[in-house]
Amino acid sequence: MTFDLFGDLAPVAQADERLGEQAWVLRGFALPHVAAMLPALDDIVAQAAFRHMVTPGGFTMSVALSNCGDLGWISDRRGYRYGRHDPETGRDWPPMPDVFLQLAHDAADRAGFPDFVPDACLINRYLPGTRMSLHQDRNEQDFAWPIVSVSLGIPAIFQFGGHARSDKAQRVPLQHGDVVVWGGVDRLRFHGVLPLKPASHPVLGEKRINITFRKAG
């Protein structure tokens, strides 16, 4: 698996790909922002370290996560929810960087969802072999707003299914800098990530960072 070391500096324009009536893959859309995003990401993780949360069923998640913004997504034996404070430190989650907000707004606008201002940003770290099972994002108070999901680092296969877990899911290859946006009639579709294959990115190494923006409050 090889990558263009200078791909972030000279991104090649690519056509958007429709996944559903109101769902899109914006190929390479995040690349112009990556140089500013990575140091901002380091600052977030220095304040709210990656951790493996526990599901309500008592299983430890293979994907490590952190949060920034007014609200952070939390999972423990009490359930899934959003909270204003990091349960490990008791402090507010780090503020959402301006470059994150701008990217989320611009990607949502490109996909047909103007005026999107997220208040929650979930940051997931995947290593080779880790996965995310099919699920719906339904802990938010208002489903009128879209989900904006940014992929950085090694490739992944994104699964985009239907409104029932048993519906057949599309398998969508995602590369460094791709952004997926879904909302409207597609907002509650099941989605997930297949186990990552071993690979290495020249900047991020042997991992994938997925940054997901939501309007949760």
N, C-alpha and C. Protein backbone atom coordinates (compact mmCIF):
# COMPACT_ATOMS: atom_id res chain seq x y z
N MET A 1 0.85 -1.18 0.00
CA MET A 1 0.00 0.00 0.00
C MET A 1 0.89 1.24 0.00
N THR A 2 0.75 2.11 -0.99
CA THR A 2 1.58 3.31 -1.07
C THR A 2 0.71 4.54 -1.15
N PHE A 3 1.28 5.69 -0.77
CA PHE A 3 0.57 6.95 -0.76
C PHE A 3 1.45 8.02 -1.37
N ASP A 4 0.86 9.06 -1.92
CA ASP A 4 1.58 10.23 -2.39
C ASP A 4 1.88 11.12 -1.20
N LEU A 5 3.18 11.23 -0.86
CA LEU A 5 3.57 12.00 0.31
C LEU A 5 3.12 13.44 0.22
N PHE A 6 3.00 13.98 -1.00
CA PHE A 6 2.65 15.38 -1.18
C PHE A 6 1.20 15.55 -1.59
N GLY A 7 0.40 14.51 -1.39
CA GLY A 7 -1.00 14.56 -1.81
C GLY A 7 -1.79 15.66 -1.13
N ASP A 8 -1.45 15.97 0.13
CA ASP A 8 -2.18 17.00 0.84
C ASP A 8 -1.89 18.38 0.28
N LEU A 9 -0.74 18.54 -0.35
CA LEU A 9 -0.35 19.85 -0.84
C LEU A 9 -0.91 20.14 -2.22
N ALA A 10 -1.15 19.09 -3.00
CA ALA A 10 -1.65 19.29 -4.35
C ALA A 10 -2.79 18.33 -4.64
N PRO A 11 -3.92 18.48 -3.96
CA PRO A 11 -5.04 17.55 -4.14
C PRO A 11 -5.59 17.63 -5.55
N VAL A 12 -6.00 16.49 -6.05
CA VAL A 12 -6.59 16.42 -7.38
C VAL A 12 -8.11 16.43 -7.24
N ALA A 13 -8.77 17.32 -7.98
CA ALA A 13 -10.22 17.41 -7.90
C ALA A 13 -10.85 16.10 -8.37
N GLN A 14 -11.82 15.61 -7.62
CA GLN A 14 -12.50 14.38 -7.98
C GLN A 14 -14.01 14.60 -7.88
N ALA A 15 -14.74 13.82 -8.65
CA ALA A 15 -16.19 13.97 -8.66
C ALA A 15 -16.78 13.42 -7.37
N ASP A 16 -17.82 14.09 -6.87
CA ASP A 16 -18.55 13.58 -5.72
C ASP A 16 -19.30 12.32 -6.12
N GLU A 17 -19.49 11.43 -5.17
CA GLU A 17 -20.18 10.16 -5.42
C GLU A 17 -21.43 10.08 -4.56
N ARG A 18 -22.56 9.81 -5.18
CA ARG A 18 -23.82 9.71 -4.45
C ARG A 18 -23.97 8.31 -3.87
N LEU A 19 -24.26 8.24 -2.56
CA LEU A 19 -24.53 6.97 -1.90
C LEU A 19 -26.02 6.72 -1.71
N GLY A 20 -26.80 7.79 -1.66
CA GLY A 20 -28.24 7.71 -1.46
C GLY A 20 -28.86 9.00 -1.94
N GLU A 21 -30.15 9.14 -1.71
CA GLU A 21 -30.84 10.35 -2.17
C GLU A 21 -30.23 11.61 -1.55
N GLN A 22 -29.82 11.52 -0.28
CA GLN A 22 -29.20 12.66 0.40
C GLN A 22 -27.93 12.23 1.14
N ALA A 23 -27.13 11.43 0.45
CA ALA A 23 -25.88 10.93 1.02
C ALA A 23 -24.79 10.96 -0.05
N TRP A 24 -23.61 11.45 0.33
CA TRP A 24 -22.54 11.67 -0.63
C TRP A 24 -21.18 11.30 -0.05
N VAL A 25 -20.27 10.87 -0.94
CA VAL A 25 -18.84 10.84 -0.64
C VAL A 25 -18.20 12.00 -1.39
N LEU A 26 -17.54 12.89 -0.67
CA LEU A 26 -16.82 14.01 -1.26
C LEU A 26 -15.34 13.63 -1.28
N ARG A 27 -14.89 13.15 -2.44
CA ARG A 27 -13.54 12.61 -2.55
C ARG A 27 -12.48 13.71 -2.39
N GLY A 28 -11.58 13.50 -1.43
CA GLY A 28 -10.47 14.41 -1.22
C GLY A 28 -10.86 15.78 -0.68
N PHE A 29 -12.09 15.94 -0.22
CA PHE A 29 -12.59 17.27 0.16
C PHE A 29 -11.80 17.85 1.34
N ALA A 30 -11.31 17.00 2.23
CA ALA A 30 -10.62 17.50 3.43
C ALA A 30 -9.14 17.81 3.19
N LEU A 31 -8.58 17.40 2.06
CA LEU A 31 -7.14 17.53 1.85
C LEU A 31 -6.61 18.95 2.04
N PRO A 32 -7.29 20.00 1.54
CA PRO A 32 -6.75 21.34 1.75
C PRO A 32 -6.70 21.77 3.21
N HIS A 33 -7.42 21.06 4.09
CA HIS A 33 -7.50 21.43 5.50
C HIS A 33 -6.57 20.62 6.39
N VAL A 34 -5.98 19.54 5.86
CA VAL A 34 -5.28 18.58 6.71
C VAL A 34 -4.09 19.21 7.43
N ALA A 35 -3.33 20.06 6.76
CA ALA A 35 -2.15 20.65 7.39
C ALA A 35 -2.51 21.41 8.66
N ALA A 36 -3.67 22.05 8.68
CA ALA A 36 -4.12 22.77 9.88
C ALA A 36 -4.83 21.85 10.86
N MET A 37 -5.43 20.77 10.37
CA MET A 37 -6.18 19.88 11.24
C MET A 37 -5.28 19.05 12.17
N LEU A 38 -4.14 18.59 11.66
CA LEU A 38 -3.33 17.65 12.44
C LEU A 38 -2.78 18.26 13.73
N PRO A 39 -2.20 19.47 13.71
CA PRO A 39 -1.78 20.04 15.00
C PRO A 39 -2.94 20.33 15.93
N ALA A 40 -4.10 20.72 15.36
CA ALA A 40 -5.29 20.93 16.20
C ALA A 40 -5.73 19.62 16.83
N LEU A 41 -5.63 18.54 16.08
CA LEU A 41 -5.97 17.22 16.62
C LEU A 41 -5.04 16.84 17.76
N ASP A 42 -3.75 17.11 17.59
CA ASP A 42 -2.79 16.81 18.66
C ASP A 42 -3.14 17.57 19.94
N ASP A 43 -3.56 18.82 19.80
CA ASP A 43 -3.94 19.62 20.98
C ASP A 43 -5.15 19.01 21.69
N ILE A 44 -6.12 18.54 20.91
CA ILE A 44 -7.31 17.94 21.50
C ILE A 44 -6.94 16.70 22.30
N VAL A 45 -6.13 15.83 21.68
CA VAL A 45 -5.79 14.55 22.32
C VAL A 45 -4.90 14.78 23.54
N ALA A 46 -4.12 15.86 23.55
CA ALA A 46 -3.32 16.17 24.73
C ALA A 46 -4.20 16.52 25.92
N GLN A 47 -5.40 17.05 25.66
CA GLN A 47 -6.32 17.42 26.73
C GLN A 47 -7.31 16.30 27.06
N ALA A 48 -7.70 15.54 26.04
CA ALA A 48 -8.67 14.45 26.20
C ALA A 48 -8.13 13.23 25.46
N ALA A 49 -7.34 12.43 26.15
CA ALA A 49 -6.62 11.33 25.52
C ALA A 49 -7.58 10.29 24.92
N PHE A 50 -7.11 9.61 23.88
CA PHE A 50 -7.87 8.50 23.34
C PHE A 50 -8.07 7.46 24.44
N ARG A 51 -9.27 6.85 24.43
CA ARG A 51 -9.57 5.81 25.40
C ARG A 51 -10.55 4.81 24.77
N HIS A 52 -10.58 3.59 25.32
CA HIS A 52 -11.49 2.55 24.86
C HIS A 52 -12.66 2.51 25.82
N MET A 53 -13.81 2.99 25.39
CA MET A 53 -14.99 3.01 26.25
C MET A 53 -15.66 1.64 26.28
N VAL A 54 -16.54 1.48 27.24
CA VAL A 54 -17.26 0.22 27.44
C VAL A 54 -18.69 0.39 26.95
N THR A 55 -19.22 -0.61 26.27
CA THR A 55 -20.59 -0.57 25.79
C THR A 55 -21.56 -0.87 26.93
N PRO A 56 -22.86 -0.56 26.75
CA PRO A 56 -23.83 -0.91 27.80
C PRO A 56 -23.86 -2.40 28.12
N GLY A 57 -23.47 -3.22 27.13
CA GLY A 57 -23.43 -4.66 27.37
C GLY A 57 -22.18 -5.14 28.08
N GLY A 58 -21.25 -4.22 28.38
CA GLY A 58 -20.05 -4.58 29.12
C GLY A 58 -18.85 -4.91 28.26
N PHE A 59 -18.94 -4.73 26.93
CA PHE A 59 -17.82 -5.02 26.04
C PHE A 59 -16.96 -3.77 25.85
N THR A 60 -15.66 -3.96 25.78
CA THR A 60 -14.75 -2.85 25.53
C THR A 60 -14.64 -2.60 24.03
N MET A 61 -14.84 -1.38 23.61
CA MET A 61 -14.79 -1.04 22.19
C MET A 61 -13.36 -1.17 21.67
N SER A 62 -13.20 -1.76 20.48
CA SER A 62 -11.86 -1.91 19.90
C SER A 62 -11.34 -0.59 19.37
N VAL A 63 -12.24 0.31 18.99
CA VAL A 63 -11.87 1.62 18.49
C VAL A 63 -11.67 2.57 19.67
N ALA A 64 -10.56 3.29 19.70
CA ALA A 64 -10.32 4.29 20.74
C ALA A 64 -10.93 5.61 20.33
N LEU A 65 -11.39 6.41 21.29
CA LEU A 65 -12.07 7.65 20.92
C LEU A 65 -11.72 8.80 21.84
N SER A 66 -11.97 9.99 21.32
CA SER A 66 -11.91 11.23 22.06
C SER A 66 -13.01 12.13 21.51
N ASN A 67 -13.17 13.31 22.10
CA ASN A 67 -14.20 14.25 21.66
C ASN A 67 -13.69 15.67 21.77
N CYS A 68 -14.33 16.56 21.00
CA CYS A 68 -14.17 17.99 21.22
C CYS A 68 -15.49 18.67 20.89
N GLY A 69 -15.64 19.90 21.32
CA GLY A 69 -16.89 20.62 21.12
C GLY A 69 -17.67 20.76 22.41
N ASP A 70 -18.84 21.35 22.31
CA ASP A 70 -19.68 21.56 23.49
C ASP A 70 -20.14 20.25 24.11
N LEU A 71 -20.34 19.24 23.27
CA LEU A 71 -20.83 17.95 23.74
C LEU A 71 -19.92 16.83 23.24
N GLY A 72 -19.73 15.82 24.07
CA GLY A 72 -18.95 14.65 23.69
C GLY A 72 -19.78 13.39 23.80
N TRP A 73 -19.56 12.46 22.87
CA TRP A 73 -20.29 11.18 22.89
C TRP A 73 -19.64 10.26 23.91
N ILE A 74 -20.48 9.62 24.72
CA ILE A 74 -20.01 8.77 25.82
C ILE A 74 -20.73 7.43 25.76
N SER A 75 -19.99 6.37 26.06
CA SER A 75 -20.58 5.03 26.20
C SER A 75 -20.06 4.40 27.48
N ASP A 76 -20.98 3.85 28.28
CA ASP A 76 -20.60 3.08 29.47
C ASP A 76 -21.74 2.13 29.80
N ARG A 77 -21.70 1.50 30.96
CA ARG A 77 -22.72 0.51 31.30
C ARG A 77 -24.10 1.14 31.44
N ARG A 78 -24.16 2.47 31.60
CA ARG A 78 -25.45 3.17 31.71
C ARG A 78 -26.08 3.48 30.37
N GLY A 79 -25.31 3.34 29.27
CA GLY A 79 -25.87 3.59 27.96
C GLY A 79 -25.04 4.55 27.12
N TYR A 80 -25.60 4.88 25.95
CA TYR A 80 -24.98 5.84 25.03
C TYR A 80 -25.62 7.21 25.24
N ARG A 81 -24.80 8.26 25.22
CA ARG A 81 -25.35 9.59 25.44
C ARG A 81 -24.28 10.64 25.13
N TYR A 82 -24.69 11.89 25.18
CA TYR A 82 -23.76 13.01 25.07
C TYR A 82 -23.63 13.69 26.42
N GLY A 83 -22.44 14.20 26.70
CA GLY A 83 -22.21 14.93 27.94
C GLY A 83 -21.25 16.08 27.71
N ARG A 84 -21.32 17.07 28.57
CA ARG A 84 -20.46 18.26 28.44
C ARG A 84 -19.07 18.06 29.03
N HIS A 85 -18.88 17.00 29.81
CA HIS A 85 -17.62 16.82 30.52
C HIS A 85 -16.99 15.48 30.17
N ASP A 86 -15.68 15.49 30.10
CA ASP A 86 -14.91 14.26 29.92
C ASP A 86 -15.03 13.44 31.20
N PRO A 87 -15.58 12.23 31.15
CA PRO A 87 -15.75 11.46 32.38
C PRO A 87 -14.43 11.05 33.03
N GLU A 88 -13.32 11.07 32.29
CA GLU A 88 -12.03 10.69 32.86
C GLU A 88 -11.37 11.83 33.63
N THR A 89 -11.63 13.06 33.22
CA THR A 89 -10.97 14.21 33.85
C THR A 89 -11.94 15.11 34.61
N GLY A 90 -13.23 15.04 34.29
CA GLY A 90 -14.22 15.93 34.89
C GLY A 90 -14.23 17.31 34.27
N ARG A 91 -13.34 17.56 33.29
CA ARG A 91 -13.27 18.87 32.64
C ARG A 91 -14.16 18.91 31.40
N ASP A 92 -14.46 20.12 30.94
CA ASP A 92 -15.15 20.27 29.67
C ASP A 92 -14.32 19.62 28.56
N TRP A 93 -14.99 19.12 27.54
CA TRP A 93 -14.27 18.64 26.37
C TRP A 93 -13.54 19.81 25.73
N PRO A 94 -12.41 19.60 25.08
CA PRO A 94 -11.70 20.70 24.41
C PRO A 94 -12.61 21.39 23.40
N PRO A 95 -12.43 22.68 23.20
CA PRO A 95 -13.25 23.40 22.20
C PRO A 95 -12.97 22.88 20.80
N MET A 96 -13.95 22.99 19.93
CA MET A 96 -13.79 22.55 18.56
C MET A 96 -12.97 23.58 17.78
N PRO A 97 -11.87 23.18 17.16
CA PRO A 97 -11.04 24.14 16.43
C PRO A 97 -11.79 24.76 15.24
N ASP A 98 -11.42 25.98 14.91
CA ASP A 98 -12.06 26.68 13.80
C ASP A 98 -11.93 25.91 12.49
N VAL A 99 -10.78 25.27 12.27
CA VAL A 99 -10.60 24.54 11.02
C VAL A 99 -11.56 23.35 10.95
N PHE A 100 -11.86 22.73 12.08
CA PHE A 100 -12.84 21.65 12.11
C PHE A 100 -14.23 22.19 11.76
N LEU A 101 -14.61 23.28 12.41
CA LEU A 101 -15.94 23.87 12.16
C LEU A 101 -16.11 24.26 10.71
N GLN A 102 -15.08 24.87 10.13
CA GLN A 102 -15.18 25.32 8.75
C GLN A 102 -15.32 24.15 7.79
N LEU A 103 -14.52 23.11 8.01
CA LEU A 103 -14.61 21.93 7.15
C LEU A 103 -15.99 21.29 7.25
N ALA A 104 -16.51 21.13 8.46
CA ALA A 104 -17.83 20.52 8.64
C ALA A 104 -18.91 21.34 7.94
N HIS A 105 -18.86 22.65 8.12
CA HIS A 105 -19.85 23.53 7.48
C HIS A 105 -19.76 23.43 5.96
N ASP A 106 -18.55 23.50 5.41
CA ASP A 106 -18.37 23.52 3.96
C ASP A 106 -18.77 22.18 3.33
N ALA A 107 -18.41 21.07 3.99
CA ALA A 107 -18.78 19.76 3.46
C ALA A 107 -20.29 19.56 3.46
N ALA A 108 -20.94 19.95 4.57
CA ALA A 108 -22.40 19.83 4.63
C ALA A 108 -23.06 20.69 3.56
N ASP A 109 -22.57 21.90 3.38
CA ASP A 109 -23.12 22.78 2.35
C ASP A 109 -22.96 22.18 0.97
N ARG A 110 -21.80 21.59 0.69
CA ARG A 110 -21.54 20.96 -0.60
C ARG A 110 -22.54 19.83 -0.85
N ALA A 111 -22.93 19.13 0.21
CA ALA A 111 -23.83 17.99 0.08
C ALA A 111 -25.31 18.39 0.13
N GLY A 112 -25.59 19.69 0.23
CA GLY A 112 -26.98 20.14 0.20
C GLY A 112 -27.58 20.43 1.55
N PHE A 113 -26.73 20.61 2.58
CA PHE A 113 -27.22 20.91 3.93
C PHE A 113 -26.58 22.21 4.42
N PRO A 114 -27.12 23.36 4.02
CA PRO A 114 -26.53 24.64 4.41
C PRO A 114 -26.74 24.93 5.91
N ASP A 115 -25.89 25.83 6.41
CA ASP A 115 -26.03 26.36 7.78
C ASP A 115 -25.76 25.32 8.87
N PHE A 116 -25.02 24.27 8.55
CA PHE A 116 -24.69 23.26 9.55
C PHE A 116 -23.59 23.78 10.47
N VAL A 117 -23.87 23.82 11.78
CA VAL A 117 -22.89 24.22 12.78
C VAL A 117 -22.87 23.13 13.85
N PRO A 118 -21.90 22.22 13.81
CA PRO A 118 -21.89 21.12 14.77
C PRO A 118 -21.55 21.58 16.17
N ASP A 119 -22.09 20.88 17.15
CA ASP A 119 -21.71 21.14 18.54
C ASP A 119 -21.01 19.93 19.17
N ALA A 120 -20.85 18.86 18.39
CA ALA A 120 -20.20 17.64 18.87
C ALA A 120 -19.27 17.11 17.79
N CYS A 121 -18.10 16.68 18.20
CA CYS A 121 -17.12 16.11 17.27
C CYS A 121 -16.51 14.88 17.92
N LEU A 122 -16.84 13.72 17.38
CA LEU A 122 -16.32 12.44 17.87
C LEU A 122 -15.10 12.06 17.04
N ILE A 123 -14.01 11.75 17.70
CA ILE A 123 -12.75 11.40 17.03
C ILE A 123 -12.44 9.95 17.35
N ASN A 124 -12.43 9.09 16.33
CA ASN A 124 -12.16 7.67 16.50
C ASN A 124 -10.79 7.33 15.93
N ARG A 125 -10.05 6.50 16.64
CA ARG A 125 -8.76 6.00 16.15
C ARG A 125 -8.86 4.50 15.88
N TYR A 126 -8.64 4.14 14.62
CA TYR A 126 -8.67 2.75 14.19
C TYR A 126 -7.25 2.27 13.94
N LEU A 127 -6.94 1.05 14.35
CA LEU A 127 -5.70 0.38 14.03
C LEU A 127 -6.02 -0.81 13.14
N PRO A 128 -5.04 -1.36 12.43
CA PRO A 128 -5.33 -2.56 11.62
C PRO A 128 -6.02 -3.63 12.46
N GLY A 129 -7.10 -4.15 11.90
CA GLY A 129 -7.88 -5.19 12.56
C GLY A 129 -9.09 -4.67 13.31
N THR A 130 -9.11 -3.37 13.65
CA THR A 130 -10.26 -2.83 14.36
C THR A 130 -11.39 -2.52 13.39
N ARG A 131 -12.60 -2.48 13.92
CA ARG A 131 -13.78 -2.30 13.09
C ARG A 131 -14.84 -1.55 13.88
N MET A 132 -15.91 -1.17 13.18
CA MET A 132 -17.08 -0.58 13.83
C MET A 132 -18.30 -1.29 13.26
N SER A 133 -19.07 -1.95 14.12
CA SER A 133 -20.22 -2.72 13.66
C SER A 133 -21.32 -1.78 13.16
N LEU A 134 -22.23 -2.32 12.37
CA LEU A 134 -23.33 -1.52 11.83
C LEU A 134 -24.16 -0.93 12.96
N HIS A 135 -24.46 0.35 12.85
CA HIS A 135 -25.22 1.05 13.88
C HIS A 135 -25.88 2.28 13.27
N GLN A 136 -26.79 2.88 13.99
CA GLN A 136 -27.40 4.16 13.62
C GLN A 136 -26.91 5.24 14.58
N ASP A 137 -26.78 6.46 14.08
CA ASP A 137 -26.51 7.60 14.96
C ASP A 137 -27.85 8.20 15.35
N ARG A 138 -28.31 7.88 16.56
CA ARG A 138 -29.65 8.33 16.96
C ARG A 138 -29.68 8.84 18.40
N ASN A 139 -28.52 9.23 18.94
CA ASN A 139 -28.50 9.82 20.28
C ASN A 139 -28.64 11.34 20.24
N GLU A 140 -28.73 11.91 19.03
CA GLU A 140 -28.87 13.35 18.87
C GLU A 140 -30.33 13.76 19.05
N GLN A 141 -30.56 15.00 19.45
CA GLN A 141 -31.92 15.45 19.73
C GLN A 141 -32.72 15.77 18.48
N ASP A 142 -32.04 16.14 17.40
CA ASP A 142 -32.73 16.59 16.19
C ASP A 142 -32.09 15.92 14.99
N PHE A 143 -32.84 15.06 14.30
CA PHE A 143 -32.31 14.35 13.14
C PHE A 143 -32.38 15.17 11.86
N ALA A 144 -32.75 16.45 11.96
CA ALA A 144 -32.81 17.30 10.78
C ALA A 144 -31.42 17.64 10.24
N TRP A 145 -30.40 17.52 11.11
CA TRP A 145 -29.05 17.89 10.70
C TRP A 145 -28.29 16.67 10.23
N PRO A 146 -27.36 16.84 9.30
CA PRO A 146 -26.63 15.70 8.74
C PRO A 146 -25.50 15.23 9.64
N ILE A 147 -24.90 14.12 9.25
CA ILE A 147 -23.65 13.63 9.81
C ILE A 147 -22.55 13.94 8.80
N VAL A 148 -21.43 14.47 9.27
CA VAL A 148 -20.28 14.74 8.41
C VAL A 148 -19.10 13.95 8.97
N SER A 149 -18.54 13.05 8.16
CA SER A 149 -17.53 12.11 8.63
C SER A 149 -16.27 12.23 7.76
N VAL A 150 -15.14 12.54 8.39
CA VAL A 150 -13.87 12.80 7.70
C VAL A 150 -12.91 11.64 7.95
N SER A 151 -12.30 11.13 6.89
CA SER A 151 -11.32 10.04 6.99
C SER A 151 -9.91 10.57 6.80
N LEU A 152 -9.01 10.21 7.73
CA LEU A 152 -7.60 10.56 7.62
C LEU A 152 -6.77 9.31 7.89
N GLY A 153 -5.63 9.19 7.22
CA GLY A 153 -4.76 8.05 7.47
C GLY A 153 -5.00 6.90 6.52
N ILE A 154 -4.84 5.68 7.03
CA ILE A 154 -4.90 4.51 6.17
C ILE A 154 -6.32 4.26 5.66
N PRO A 155 -6.46 3.54 4.54
CA PRO A 155 -7.78 3.32 3.93
C PRO A 155 -8.70 2.48 4.81
N ALA A 156 -10.00 2.62 4.54
CA ALA A 156 -11.02 1.83 5.23
C ALA A 156 -12.13 1.52 4.25
N ILE A 157 -12.89 0.48 4.56
CA ILE A 157 -14.11 0.16 3.81
C ILE A 157 -15.30 0.55 4.68
N PHE A 158 -15.99 1.59 4.25
CA PHE A 158 -17.18 2.09 4.95
C PHE A 158 -18.39 1.30 4.48
N GLN A 159 -19.21 0.87 5.41
CA GLN A 159 -20.45 0.18 5.08
C GLN A 159 -21.62 1.16 5.24
N PHE A 160 -22.40 1.29 4.19
CA PHE A 160 -23.56 2.19 4.23
C PHE A 160 -24.78 1.37 3.87
N GLY A 161 -25.60 1.08 4.90
CA GLY A 161 -26.72 0.19 4.73
C GLY A 161 -28.05 0.89 4.59
N GLY A 162 -29.10 0.19 4.97
CA GLY A 162 -30.45 0.74 4.87
C GLY A 162 -30.96 1.15 6.23
N HIS A 163 -32.30 1.20 6.36
CA HIS A 163 -32.91 1.62 7.61
C HIS A 163 -33.18 0.46 8.56
N ALA A 164 -32.84 -0.76 8.13
CA ALA A 164 -32.88 -1.93 8.99
C ALA A 164 -31.50 -2.57 9.00
N ARG A 165 -31.11 -3.11 10.13
CA ARG A 165 -29.78 -3.70 10.24
C ARG A 165 -29.56 -4.81 9.22
N SER A 166 -30.64 -5.50 8.86
CA SER A 166 -30.53 -6.63 7.94
C SER A 166 -30.43 -6.21 6.48
N ASP A 167 -30.66 -4.94 6.17
CA ASP A 167 -30.56 -4.47 4.78
C ASP A 167 -29.13 -4.61 4.28
N LYS A 168 -28.99 -4.94 3.01
CA LYS A 168 -27.67 -5.08 2.42
C LYS A 168 -26.95 -3.73 2.42
N ALA A 169 -25.68 -3.74 2.82
CA ALA A 169 -24.90 -2.50 2.92
C ALA A 169 -23.95 -2.36 1.73
N GLN A 170 -23.85 -1.14 1.22
CA GLN A 170 -22.84 -0.83 0.23
C GLN A 170 -21.47 -0.87 0.90
N ARG A 171 -20.45 -1.26 0.14
CA ARG A 171 -19.07 -1.22 0.62
C ARG A 171 -18.36 -0.10 -0.12
N VAL A 172 -17.96 0.93 0.62
CA VAL A 172 -17.43 2.15 0.02
C VAL A 172 -15.98 2.35 0.46
N PRO A 173 -15.00 2.20 -0.44
CA PRO A 173 -13.61 2.46 -0.05
C PRO A 173 -13.41 3.94 0.26
N LEU A 174 -12.76 4.22 1.39
CA LEU A 174 -12.46 5.59 1.79
C LEU A 174 -10.96 5.76 1.92
N GLN A 175 -10.46 6.88 1.37
CA GLN A 175 -9.05 7.21 1.42
C GLN A 175 -8.83 8.46 2.28
N HIS A 176 -7.58 8.73 2.56
CA HIS A 176 -7.17 9.92 3.30
C HIS A 176 -7.75 11.17 2.65
N GLY A 177 -8.52 11.95 3.43
CA GLY A 177 -9.09 13.19 2.92
C GLY A 177 -10.51 13.09 2.42
N ASP A 178 -11.05 11.88 2.32
CA ASP A 178 -12.45 11.74 1.87
C ASP A 178 -13.40 12.15 3.00
N VAL A 179 -14.55 12.69 2.60
CA VAL A 179 -15.59 13.10 3.55
C VAL A 179 -16.91 12.48 3.12
N VAL A 180 -17.61 11.84 4.05
CA VAL A 180 -18.94 11.29 3.80
C VAL A 180 -19.96 12.16 4.53
N VAL A 181 -21.02 12.52 3.83
CA VAL A 181 -22.10 13.33 4.41
C VAL A 181 -23.42 12.63 4.14
N TRP A 182 -24.20 12.42 5.20
CA TRP A 182 -25.54 11.85 4.99
C TRP A 182 -26.53 12.52 5.93
N GLY A 183 -27.74 12.75 5.40
CA GLY A 183 -28.78 13.40 6.19
C GLY A 183 -30.12 13.24 5.51
N GLY A 184 -31.10 14.02 5.95
CA GLY A 184 -32.42 13.95 5.34
C GLY A 184 -33.01 12.56 5.41
N VAL A 185 -33.45 12.05 4.26
CA VAL A 185 -34.07 10.72 4.22
C VAL A 185 -33.06 9.61 4.52
N ASP A 186 -31.77 9.92 4.42
CA ASP A 186 -30.73 8.93 4.68
C ASP A 186 -30.13 9.04 6.09
N ARG A 187 -30.63 9.96 6.88
CA ARG A 187 -29.98 10.29 8.16
C ARG A 187 -29.86 9.09 9.10
N LEU A 188 -30.84 8.21 9.13
CA LEU A 188 -30.84 7.10 10.08
C LEU A 188 -30.43 5.77 9.45
N ARG A 189 -29.71 5.83 8.36
CA ARG A 189 -29.21 4.60 7.77
C ARG A 189 -28.16 3.95 8.67
N PHE A 190 -28.17 2.61 8.70
CA PHE A 190 -27.12 1.88 9.39
C PHE A 190 -25.80 2.04 8.64
N HIS A 191 -24.72 2.11 9.40
CA HIS A 191 -23.40 2.28 8.79
C HIS A 191 -22.35 1.70 9.72
N GLY A 192 -21.18 1.42 9.19
CA GLY A 192 -20.10 0.85 9.98
C GLY A 192 -18.81 0.83 9.18
N VAL A 193 -17.80 0.18 9.73
CA VAL A 193 -16.49 0.08 9.09
C VAL A 193 -16.00 -1.36 9.22
N LEU A 194 -15.60 -1.96 8.09
CA LEU A 194 -15.05 -3.30 8.12
C LEU A 194 -13.67 -3.29 8.77
N PRO A 195 -13.19 -4.45 9.26
CA PRO A 195 -11.86 -4.49 9.87
C PRO A 195 -10.80 -3.91 8.94
N LEU A 196 -9.98 -3.02 9.48
CA LEU A 196 -8.96 -2.38 8.67
C LEU A 196 -7.83 -3.35 8.33
N LYS A 197 -7.36 -3.27 7.09
CA LYS A 197 -6.23 -4.08 6.66
C LYS A 197 -4.92 -3.36 7.02
N PRO A 198 -3.85 -4.10 7.26
CA PRO A 198 -2.57 -3.46 7.57
C PRO A 198 -2.14 -2.52 6.45
N ALA A 199 -1.72 -1.34 6.82
CA ALA A 199 -1.25 -0.34 5.87
C ALA A 199 -0.55 0.74 6.68
N SER A 200 0.11 1.66 5.98
CA SER A 200 0.80 2.75 6.65
C SER A 200 0.64 4.02 5.84
N HIS A 201 0.35 5.11 6.54
CA HIS A 201 0.26 6.43 5.92
C HIS A 201 1.54 7.19 6.24
N PRO A 202 2.10 7.97 5.30
CA PRO A 202 3.40 8.62 5.54
C PRO A 202 3.41 9.62 6.69
N VAL A 203 2.27 10.16 7.05
CA VAL A 203 2.21 11.13 8.14
C VAL A 203 1.60 10.52 9.40
N LEU A 204 0.50 9.80 9.26
CA LEU A 204 -0.24 9.27 10.41
C LEU A 204 0.18 7.86 10.81
N GLY A 205 1.00 7.22 10.00
CA GLY A 205 1.46 5.89 10.36
C GLY A 205 0.42 4.82 10.14
N GLU A 206 0.43 3.80 11.00
CA GLU A 206 -0.44 2.63 10.83
C GLU A 206 -1.76 2.82 11.57
N LYS A 207 -2.47 3.88 11.22
CA LYS A 207 -3.77 4.11 11.85
C LYS A 207 -4.64 4.96 10.94
N ARG A 208 -5.93 4.92 11.27
CA ARG A 208 -6.92 5.77 10.61
C ARG A 208 -7.58 6.62 11.68
N ILE A 209 -7.73 7.89 11.40
CA ILE A 209 -8.47 8.80 12.27
C ILE A 209 -9.76 9.18 11.56
N ASN A 210 -10.87 8.96 12.23
CA ASN A 210 -12.18 9.33 11.69
C ASN A 210 -12.77 10.42 12.57
N ILE A 211 -13.07 11.57 11.98
CA ILE A 211 -13.59 12.71 12.71
C ILE A 211 -15.03 12.93 12.26
N THR A 212 -15.97 12.76 13.18
CA THR A 212 -17.39 12.81 12.84
C THR A 212 -18.06 14.00 13.54
N PHE A 213 -18.69 14.83 12.73
CA PHE A 213 -19.35 16.04 13.23
C PHE A 213 -20.86 15.83 13.29
N ARG A 214 -21.46 16.30 14.39
CA ARG A 214 -22.91 16.15 14.59
C ARG A 214 -23.47 17.39 15.29
N LYS A 215 -24.73 17.62 15.09
CA LYS A 215 -25.49 18.60 15.90
C LYS A 215 -26.28 17.77 16.88
N ALA A 216 -25.80 17.71 18.12
CA ALA A 216 -26.34 16.76 19.08
C ALA A 216 -27.31 17.38 20.07
N GLY A 217 -27.12 18.66 20.40
CA GLY A 217 -27.93 19.30 21.42
C GLY A 217 -29.18 19.95 20.88
